C-alpha atoms as a PDB file:
ATOM      1  CA  MET A   1      86.208 101.108 167.024  1.00  0.00           C
ATOM      2  CA  ALA A   2      83.102 100.220 165.307  1.00  0.00           C
ATOM      3  CA  LYS A   3      85.103  98.707 162.324  1.00  0.00           C
ATOM      4  CA  ILE A   4      86.947  96.438 164.829  1.00  0.00           C
ATOM      5  CA  ILE A   5      83.692  95.203 166.320  1.00  0.00           C
ATOM      6  CA  ARG A   6      82.159  94.314 162.912  1.00  0.00           C
ATOM      7  CA  SER A   7      85.321  92.513 162.108  1.00  0.00           C
ATOM      8  CA  GLN A   8      85.179  90.401 165.232  1.00  0.00           C
ATOM      9  CA  ARG A   9      81.713  89.592 164.598  1.00  0.00           C
ATOM     10  CA  ALA A  10      82.184  88.338 161.110  1.00  0.00           C
ATOM     11  CA  SER A  11      85.042  86.364 162.309  1.00  0.00           C
ATOM     12  CA  THR A  12      83.007  84.754 164.998  1.00  0.00           C
ATOM     13  CA  SER A  13      80.198  84.021 162.920  1.00  0.00           C
ATOM     14  CA  SER A  14      82.525  82.117 160.238  1.00  0.00           C
ATOM     15  CA  VAL A  15      83.980  80.058 163.000  1.00  0.00           C
ATOM     16  CA  ARG A  16      80.532  79.077 164.302  1.00  0.00           C
ATOM     17  CA  SER A  17      79.304  78.164 160.857  1.00  0.00           C
ATOM     18  CA  ALA A  18      82.377  75.817 160.060  1.00  0.00           C
ATOM     19  CA  PRO A  19      81.173  72.754 162.031  1.00  0.00           C
ATOM     20  CA  LYS A  20      77.712  73.058 160.226  1.00  0.00           C
ATOM     21  CA  LYS A  21      79.581  73.091 156.908  1.00  0.00           C
ATOM     22  CA  LYS A  22      81.615  70.151 157.810  1.00  0.00           C
ATOM     23  CA  ALA A  23      78.600  68.304 159.094  1.00  0.00           C
ATOM     24  CA  ALA A  24      76.829  68.952 155.779  1.00  0.00           C
ATOM     25  CA  LYS A  25      79.826  67.779 153.782  1.00  0.00           C
ATOM     26  CA  ALA A  26      79.966  64.695 155.842  1.00  0.00           C
ATOM     27  CA  ALA A  27      76.276  64.029 155.284  1.00  0.00           C
ATOM     28  CA  THR A  28      76.668  64.192 151.484  1.00  0.00           C
ATOM     29  CA  LEU A  29      79.360  61.496 151.685  1.00  0.00           C
ATOM     30  CA  LEU A  30      77.137  58.952 153.624  1.00  0.00           C
ATOM     31  CA  PRO A  31      75.650  56.379 151.480  1.00  0.00           C
ATOM     32  CA  LYS A  32      72.020  56.859 150.781  1.00  0.00           C
ATOM     33  CA  PRO A  33      69.588  54.264 152.186  1.00  0.00           C
ATOM     34  CA  GLY A  34      69.474  51.193 149.860  1.00  0.00           C
ATOM     35  CA  ALA A  35      72.519  52.237 147.871  1.00  0.00           C
ATOM     36  CA  LYS A  36      74.535  49.231 148.948  1.00  0.00           C
ATOM     37  CA  LYS A  37      71.795  46.925 147.955  1.00  0.00           C
ATOM     38  CA  ALA A  38      71.314  48.687 144.635  1.00  0.00           C
ATOM     39  CA  ALA A  39      75.016  48.382 143.801  1.00  0.00           C
ATOM     40  CA  LYS A  40      75.088  44.737 144.763  1.00  0.00           C
ATOM     41  CA  LYS A  41      72.107  44.075 142.619  1.00  0.00           C
ATOM     42  CA  ALA A  42      73.805  45.848 139.645  1.00  0.00           C
ATOM     43  CA  ALA A  43      77.021  44.177 140.070  1.00  0.00           C
ATOM     44  CA  LYS A  44      75.259  40.825 140.127  1.00  0.00           C
ATOM     45  CA  ARG A  45      73.355  41.642 136.971  1.00  0.00           C
ATOM     46  CA  THR A  46      76.463  42.703 135.184  1.00  0.00           C
ATOM     47  CA  ALA A  47      78.484  39.758 136.291  1.00  0.00           C
ATOM     48  CA  LYS A  48      79.442  37.148 133.835  1.00  0.00           C
ATOM     49  CA  PRO A  49      77.340  34.062 134.418  1.00  0.00           C
ATOM     50  CA  LYS A  50      78.798  30.655 135.045  1.00  0.00           C
ATOM     51  CA  PRO A  51      78.835  28.550 131.954  1.00  0.00           C
ATOM     52  CA  TRP A  52      76.418  25.615 132.016  1.00  0.00           C
ATOM     53  CA  THR A  53      77.993  22.153 132.141  1.00  0.00           C
ATOM     54  CA  SER A  54      77.195  19.603 129.705  1.00  0.00           C
ATOM     55  CA  GLU A  55      75.170  17.677 132.149  1.00  0.00           C
ATOM     56  CA  GLU A  56      72.980  20.714 132.827  1.00  0.00           C
ATOM     57  CA  VAL A  57      72.372  21.333 129.145  1.00  0.00           C
ATOM     58  CA  TYR A  58      71.493  17.686 128.637  1.00  0.00           C
ATOM     59  CA  GLU A  59      69.005  17.754 131.613  1.00  0.00           C
ATOM     60  CA  ALA A  60      67.324  21.111 130.248  1.00  0.00           C
ATOM     61  CA  PHE A  61      66.725  19.705 126.887  1.00  0.00           C
ATOM     62  CA  ASP A  62      65.592  16.160 128.190  1.00  0.00           C
ATOM     63  CA  ARG A  63      63.017  18.089 130.261  1.00  0.00           C
ATOM     64  CA  PHE A  64      61.870  19.958 127.055  1.00  0.00           C
ATOM     65  CA  ARG A  65      61.562  16.782 125.199  1.00  0.00           C
ATOM     66  CA  LYS A  66      59.556  14.938 128.006  1.00  0.00           C
ATOM     67  CA  ALA A  67      57.215  17.799 128.235  1.00  0.00           C
ATOM     68  CA  ASN A  68      56.635  18.098 124.339  1.00  0.00           C
ATOM     69  CA  PRO A  69      58.152  14.993 122.480  1.00  0.00           C
ATOM     70  CA  GLU A  70      57.272  16.371 118.740  1.00  0.00           C
ATOM     71  CA  PRO A  71      57.217  20.342 119.048  1.00  0.00           C
ATOM     72  CA  LYS A  72      55.861  21.741 115.721  1.00  0.00           C
ATOM     73  CA  GLY A  73      56.596  25.210 114.208  1.00  0.00           C
ATOM     74  CA  GLU A  74      53.463  27.365 114.260  1.00  0.00           C
ATOM     75  CA  LEU A  75      53.591  28.748 110.781  1.00  0.00           C
ATOM     76  CA  GLU A  76      51.157  26.866 108.524  1.00  0.00           C
ATOM     77  CA  HIS A  77      52.201  25.764 105.351  1.00  0.00           C
ATOM     78  CA  LEU A  78      51.669  22.936 102.665  1.00  0.00           C
ATOM     79  CA  ASN A  79      55.209  22.336 101.276  1.00  0.00           C
ATOM     80  CA  PRO A  80      58.813  23.477 101.406  1.00  0.00           C
ATOM     81  CA  TYR A  81      57.781  26.509  99.025  1.00  0.00           C
ATOM     82  CA  THR A  82      54.821  27.702 101.143  1.00  0.00           C
ATOM     83  CA  LEU A  83      57.014  27.194 104.237  1.00  0.00           C
ATOM     84  CA  LEU A  84      59.732  29.403 102.615  1.00  0.00           C
ATOM     85  CA  VAL A  85      57.132  32.076 101.628  1.00  0.00           C
ATOM     86  CA  ALA A  86      55.390  32.033 105.177  1.00  0.00           C
ATOM     87  CA  VAL A  87      58.852  32.496 106.933  1.00  0.00           C
ATOM     88  CA  VAL A  88      59.595  35.442 104.745  1.00  0.00           C
ATOM     89  CA  LEU A  89      56.163  36.966 105.331  1.00  0.00           C
ATOM     90  CA  SER A  90      56.780  36.462 109.050  1.00  0.00           C
ATOM     91  CA  ALA A  91      59.530  39.016 109.490  1.00  0.00           C
ATOM     92  CA  GLN A  92      58.292  41.617 111.875  1.00  0.00           C
ATOM     93  CA  ALA A  93      54.969  39.826 112.106  1.00  0.00           C
ATOM     94  CA  THR A  94      53.215  37.326 114.328  1.00  0.00           C
ATOM     95  CA  ASP A  95      52.677  33.752 113.064  1.00  0.00           C
ATOM     96  CA  ALA A  96      49.074  34.109 113.897  1.00  0.00           C
ATOM     97  CA  GLY A  97      48.931  37.074 111.700  1.00  0.00           C
ATOM     98  CA  VAL A  98      50.752  35.318 108.781  1.00  0.00           C
ATOM     99  CA  ASN A  99      48.619  32.332 108.994  1.00  0.00           C
ATOM    100  CA  LYS A 100      45.512  34.392 108.777  1.00  0.00           C
ATOM    101  CA  ALA A 101      46.725  35.768 105.534  1.00  0.00           C
ATOM    102  CA  THR A 102      48.397  32.803 103.893  1.00  0.00           C
ATOM    103  CA  ARG A 103      45.567  30.363 104.340  1.00  0.00           C
ATOM    104  CA  ALA A 104      43.742  31.897 101.334  1.00  0.00           C
ATOM    105  CA  LEU A 105      46.806  32.723  99.422  1.00  0.00           C
ATOM    106  CA  PHE A 106      48.206  29.175  99.679  1.00  0.00           C
ATOM    107  CA  ALA A 107      44.843  27.705  98.554  1.00  0.00           C
ATOM    108  CA  VAL A 108      45.292  29.470  95.264  1.00  0.00           C
ATOM    109  CA  ALA A 109      49.158  29.633  94.943  1.00  0.00           C
ATOM    110  CA  ASP A 110      51.229  26.706  96.346  1.00  0.00           C
ATOM    111  CA  THR A 111      53.989  26.738  93.784  1.00  0.00           C
ATOM    112  CA  PRO A 112      56.238  29.335  92.372  1.00  0.00           C
ATOM    113  CA  GLU A 113      54.507  29.038  88.860  1.00  0.00           C
ATOM    114  CA  LYS A 114      51.030  29.698  90.459  1.00  0.00           C
ATOM    115  CA  MET A 115      52.399  32.513  92.509  1.00  0.00           C
ATOM    116  CA  LEU A 116      53.849  34.233  89.351  1.00  0.00           C
ATOM    117  CA  GLU A 117      50.409  33.587  87.514  1.00  0.00           C
ATOM    118  CA  LEU A 118      48.755  35.389  90.464  1.00  0.00           C
ATOM    119  CA  GLY A 119      50.793  38.516  90.160  1.00  0.00           C
ATOM    120  CA  GLU A 120      52.292  41.003  92.556  1.00  0.00           C
ATOM    121  CA  ASP A 121      49.144  42.978  92.752  1.00  0.00           C
ATOM    122  CA  ARG A 122      46.830  40.074  93.822  1.00  0.00           C
ATOM    123  CA  VAL A 123      49.506  38.749  96.233  1.00  0.00           C
ATOM    124  CA  ARG A 124      49.715  42.241  97.838  1.00  0.00           C
ATOM    125  CA  ASP A 125      45.682  42.033  98.366  1.00  0.00           C
ATOM    126  CA  TYR A 126      46.005  38.625 100.145  1.00  0.00           C
ATOM    127  CA  ILE A 127      48.741  39.768 102.560  1.00  0.00           C
ATOM    128  CA  LYS A 128      47.721  43.482 103.195  1.00  0.00           C
ATOM    129  CA  THR A 129      47.066  42.605 106.643  1.00  0.00           C
ATOM    130  CA  ILE A 130      50.653  41.790 107.389  1.00  0.00           C
ATOM    131  CA  GLY A 131      53.179  44.506 108.155  1.00  0.00           C
ATOM    132  CA  LEU A 132      55.463  45.696 105.198  1.00  0.00           C
ATOM    133  CA  TYR A 133      53.083  43.881 102.845  1.00  0.00           C
ATOM    134  CA  ARG A 134      54.074  45.846  99.794  1.00  0.00           C
ATOM    135  CA  ASN A 135      57.808  44.980 100.005  1.00  0.00           C
ATOM    136  CA  LYS A 136      56.926  41.510 101.039  1.00  0.00           C
ATOM    137  CA  ALA A 137      54.687  40.973  97.917  1.00  0.00           C
ATOM    138  CA  ARG A 138      57.467  42.097  95.721  1.00  0.00           C
ATOM    139  CA  ASN A 139      59.927  39.636  97.385  1.00  0.00           C
ATOM    140  CA  VAL A 140      57.393  36.741  97.121  1.00  0.00           C
ATOM    141  CA  ILE A 141      57.274  37.313  93.336  1.00  0.00           C
ATOM    142  CA  ALA A 142      61.034  37.993  93.032  1.00  0.00           C
ATOM    143  CA  LEU A 143      61.916  34.694  94.872  1.00  0.00           C
ATOM    144  CA  SER A 144      59.476  32.604  92.873  1.00  0.00           C
ATOM    145  CA  GLN A 145      61.013  33.908  89.714  1.00  0.00           C
ATOM    146  CA  LYS A 146      64.497  33.006  90.972  1.00  0.00           C
ATOM    147  CA  LEU A 147      63.439  29.564  92.154  1.00  0.00           C
ATOM    148  CA  ILE A 148      62.095  28.782  88.560  1.00  0.00           C
ATOM    149  CA  ALA A 149      65.050  30.276  86.828  1.00  0.00           C
ATOM    150  CA  GLU A 150      67.732  29.043  88.900  1.00  0.00           C
ATOM    151  CA  PHE A 151      66.529  26.021  90.965  1.00  0.00           C
ATOM    152  CA  GLY A 152      63.921  24.433  88.711  1.00  0.00           C
ATOM    153  CA  GLY A 153      61.121  25.618  90.701  1.00  0.00           C
ATOM    154  CA  GLU A 154      62.312  23.733  93.923  1.00  0.00           C
ATOM    155  CA  VAL A 155      63.467  25.205  97.267  1.00  0.00           C
ATOM    156  CA  PRO A 156      67.297  24.764  97.477  1.00  0.00           C
ATOM    157  CA  ARG A 157      68.854  22.715 100.231  1.00  0.00           C
ATOM    158  CA  THR A 158      71.741  24.847 101.354  1.00  0.00           C
ATOM    159  CA  CYS A 159      71.842  27.796 103.453  1.00  0.00           C
ATOM    160  CA  ALA A 160      73.649  30.047 101.124  1.00  0.00           C
ATOM    161  CA  GLU A 161      71.276  29.306  98.203  1.00  0.00           C
ATOM    162  CA  ILE A 162      68.282  29.975 100.332  1.00  0.00           C
ATOM    163  CA  GLU A 163      69.862  33.293 101.574  1.00  0.00           C
ATOM    164  CA  SER A 164      70.481  34.344  98.014  1.00  0.00           C
ATOM    165  CA  LEU A 165      66.662  34.523  97.445  1.00  0.00           C
ATOM    166  CA  PRO A 166      64.880  38.016  97.807  1.00  0.00           C
ATOM    167  CA  GLY A 167      63.567  38.590 101.392  1.00  0.00           C
ATOM    168  CA  ALA A 168      65.202  35.503 102.785  1.00  0.00           C
ATOM    169  CA  GLY A 169      68.037  35.670 105.524  1.00  0.00           C
ATOM    170  CA  ARG A 170      69.885  33.264 107.595  1.00  0.00           C
ATOM    171  CA  LYS A 171      67.029  32.771 110.041  1.00  0.00           C
ATOM    172  CA  THR A 172      64.739  31.969 107.040  1.00  0.00           C
ATOM    173  CA  ALA A 173      67.211  29.353 105.572  1.00  0.00           C
ATOM    174  CA  ASN A 174      67.673  27.780 109.067  1.00  0.00           C
ATOM    175  CA  VAL A 175      63.985  27.449 109.629  1.00  0.00           C
ATOM    176  CA  VAL A 176      63.323  25.891 106.154  1.00  0.00           C
ATOM    177  CA  LEU A 177      66.210  23.470 106.222  1.00  0.00           C
ATOM    178  CA  ASN A 178      65.063  22.197 109.656  1.00  0.00           C
ATOM    179  CA  MET A 179      61.284  22.003 109.065  1.00  0.00           C
ATOM    180  CA  ALA A 180      61.192  20.992 105.434  1.00  0.00           C
ATOM    181  CA  PHE A 181      64.273  18.842 105.107  1.00  0.00           C
ATOM    182  CA  GLY A 182      65.196  17.824 108.800  1.00  0.00           C
ATOM    183  CA  GLU A 183      68.625  19.247 109.006  1.00  0.00           C
ATOM    184  CA  HIS A 184      69.956  20.021 112.460  1.00  0.00           C
ATOM    185  CA  THR A 185      70.065  23.830 112.114  1.00  0.00           C
ATOM    186  CA  MET A 186      69.334  26.467 114.831  1.00  0.00           C
ATOM    187  CA  ALA A 187      67.124  29.459 113.756  1.00  0.00           C
ATOM    188  CA  VAL A 188      67.435  32.306 116.201  1.00  0.00           C
ATOM    189  CA  ASP A 189      64.655  34.716 116.295  1.00  0.00           C
ATOM    190  CA  THR A 190      63.841  37.285 119.062  1.00  0.00           C
ATOM    191  CA  HIS A 191      62.676  34.543 121.366  1.00  0.00           C
ATOM    192  CA  VAL A 192      65.820  32.228 120.989  1.00  0.00           C
ATOM    193  CA  PHE A 193      68.063  35.071 121.351  1.00  0.00           C
ATOM    194  CA  ARG A 194      66.432  36.258 124.462  1.00  0.00           C
ATOM    195  CA  VAL A 195      66.363  32.654 125.986  1.00  0.00           C
ATOM    196  CA  GLY A 196      70.101  32.016 125.080  1.00  0.00           C
ATOM    197  CA  ASN A 197      71.208  35.173 126.735  1.00  0.00           C
ATOM    198  CA  ARG A 198      68.919  35.372 129.704  1.00  0.00           C
ATOM    199  CA  THR A 199      69.472  31.862 130.904  1.00  0.00           C
ATOM    200  CA  GLY A 200      73.143  31.918 130.115  1.00  0.00           C
ATOM    201  CA  LEU A 201      72.916  28.928 127.919  1.00  0.00           C
ATOM    202  CA  ALA A 202      74.501  30.527 124.956  1.00  0.00           C
ATOM    203  CA  PRO A 203      75.231  34.369 125.457  1.00  0.00           C
ATOM    204  CA  GLY A 204      75.904  36.492 122.458  1.00  0.00           C
ATOM    205  CA  LYS A 205      75.699  39.908 121.112  1.00  0.00           C
ATOM    206  CA  THR A 206      74.296  39.043 117.793  1.00  0.00           C
ATOM    207  CA  PRO A 207      71.987  36.261 116.568  1.00  0.00           C
ATOM    208  CA  LEU A 208      74.803  34.507 114.868  1.00  0.00           C
ATOM    209  CA  GLU A 209      76.827  34.382 118.154  1.00  0.00           C
ATOM    210  CA  VAL A 210      73.891  32.746 119.815  1.00  0.00           C
ATOM    211  CA  GLU A 211      73.264  30.361 116.975  1.00  0.00           C
ATOM    212  CA  LEU A 212      76.818  29.172 117.029  1.00  0.00           C
ATOM    213  CA  GLY A 213      76.815  28.944 120.789  1.00  0.00           C
ATOM    214  CA  LEU A 214      73.892  26.916 120.906  1.00  0.00           C
ATOM    215  CA  GLU A 215      75.094  24.523 118.172  1.00  0.00           C
ATOM    216  CA  LYS A 216      78.111  24.041 120.319  1.00  0.00           C
ATOM    217  CA  VAL A 217      76.649  23.124 123.521  1.00  0.00           C
ATOM    218  CA  ILE A 218      73.334  21.268 122.566  1.00  0.00           C
ATOM    219  CA  PRO A 219      73.867  17.523 121.976  1.00  0.00           C
ATOM    220  CA  THR A 220      73.108  16.188 118.701  1.00  0.00           C
ATOM    221  CA  GLU A 221      70.063  13.979 119.786  1.00  0.00           C
ATOM    222  CA  PHE A 222      68.378  17.171 120.593  1.00  0.00           C
ATOM    223  CA  MET A 223      69.274  19.244 117.624  1.00  0.00           C
ATOM    224  CA  LEU A 224      66.264  18.445 115.275  1.00  0.00           C
ATOM    225  CA  HIS A 225      63.768  20.057 117.664  1.00  0.00           C
ATOM    226  CA  ALA A 226      66.010  22.223 119.815  1.00  0.00           C
ATOM    227  CA  HIS A 227      65.075  25.498 118.048  1.00  0.00           C
ATOM    228  CA  HIS A 228      61.329  24.788 118.415  1.00  0.00           C
ATOM    229  CA  TRP A 229      61.751  24.114 122.197  1.00  0.00           C
ATOM    230  CA  LEU A 230      63.626  27.366 122.619  1.00  0.00           C
ATOM    231  CA  ILE A 231      61.191  29.447 120.433  1.00  0.00           C
ATOM    232  CA  LEU A 232      58.019  28.141 122.363  1.00  0.00           C
ATOM    233  CA  HIS A 233      59.905  28.590 125.676  1.00  0.00           C
ATOM    234  CA  GLY A 234      60.579  32.157 124.906  1.00  0.00           C
ATOM    235  CA  ARG A 235      57.065  32.793 123.492  1.00  0.00           C
ATOM    236  CA  TYR A 236      55.065  31.178 126.309  1.00  0.00           C
ATOM    237  CA  THR A 237      57.227  30.975 129.446  1.00  0.00           C
ATOM    238  CA  CYS A 238      60.424  33.137 129.301  1.00  0.00           C
ATOM    239  CA  LEU A 239      58.603  36.252 128.116  1.00  0.00           C
ATOM    240  CA  ALA A 240      60.181  39.456 127.386  1.00  0.00           C
ATOM    241  CA  ARG A 241      58.258  41.230 130.079  1.00  0.00           C
ATOM    242  CA  GLY A 242      57.101  39.344 133.229  1.00  0.00           C
ATOM    243  CA  PRO A 243      58.865  35.991 132.495  1.00  0.00           C
ATOM    244  CA  ARG A 244      56.905  33.155 134.291  1.00  0.00           C
ATOM    245  CA  CYS A 245      59.743  31.812 136.180  1.00  0.00           C
ATOM    246  CA  ASP A 246      57.292  30.036 138.540  1.00  0.00           C
ATOM    247  CA  VAL A 247      56.336  27.458 135.850  1.00  0.00           C
ATOM    248  CA  CYS A 248      59.702  27.299 133.931  1.00  0.00           C
ATOM    249  CA  LEU A 249      60.887  23.917 133.317  1.00  0.00           C
ATOM    250  CA  ILE A 250      64.627  24.806 133.759  1.00  0.00           C
ATOM    251  CA  ASN A 251      64.308  27.618 136.597  1.00  0.00           C
ATOM    252  CA  ASP A 252      66.755  25.722 138.828  1.00  0.00           C
ATOM    253  CA  LEU A 253      69.265  25.635 135.970  1.00  0.00           C
ATOM    254  CA  CYS A 254      68.696  29.162 134.575  1.00  0.00           C
ATOM    255  CA  ARG A 255      71.629  31.670 135.280  1.00  0.00           C
ATOM    256  CA  TRP A 256      69.419  34.916 135.142  1.00  0.00           C
ATOM    257  CA  PRO A 257      70.072  36.807 138.291  1.00  0.00           C
ATOM    258  CA  GLU A 258      66.672  38.362 138.276  1.00  0.00           C
ATOM    259  CA  LYS A 259      64.685  35.154 138.168  1.00  0.00           C
ATOM    260  CA  THR A 260      61.791  35.205 140.612  1.00  0.00           C
ATOM    261  CA  VAL A 261      62.105  31.585 142.022  1.00  0.00           C
END
């Protein structure tokens, strides 16, 4: 008789607990507070932005031009050769840091011949405040040797030839061709890459994709100064952290879903 009673109690207990289990399960299926809002925000963030119209692109660069008609690069240099050296030294370094080191260097070595006379050890002493200075000093001497041996001591005027120099890449070539020779090139550094992607102006997974995208959409009349406008915009307004959307010249055109205006 005792066994029967225990069995009935157990059965009754399981029946009584069933609704509680169902309620608990139902509670886990309910969306958490704010989940819908977070999901909507995430979907908006990952959604492909609407491409800029040609009118919008023109308007953006017209605003840049009116605000700063003659933008200048911030790397100090004396001639195409010292510009080339400065850009090579600027990899993973700030323009201000490079300028501080090169003022004294360029005062004594502003040609490939003078740089070779100076020698790698002394070049290294001049630029030791710059990151990766040992490798960069080696590249400066090597590119100077190649300029003398293959280009008559002059900076070449094609992208492929500049890229063949030690320490020089596509960005270096584009900067030198633009600033020294007035070519309509688009140098993509971290700032231009961020602006191109964040604004939706020229999204791309690589610097080359962004470069080609910008060259495709920017009107010819703006191309001489376009990369400077974008660099300065990324450096002082469209910051990596805490972008200053409230003072942005193109905030009404920008496609970034997280802009604060």
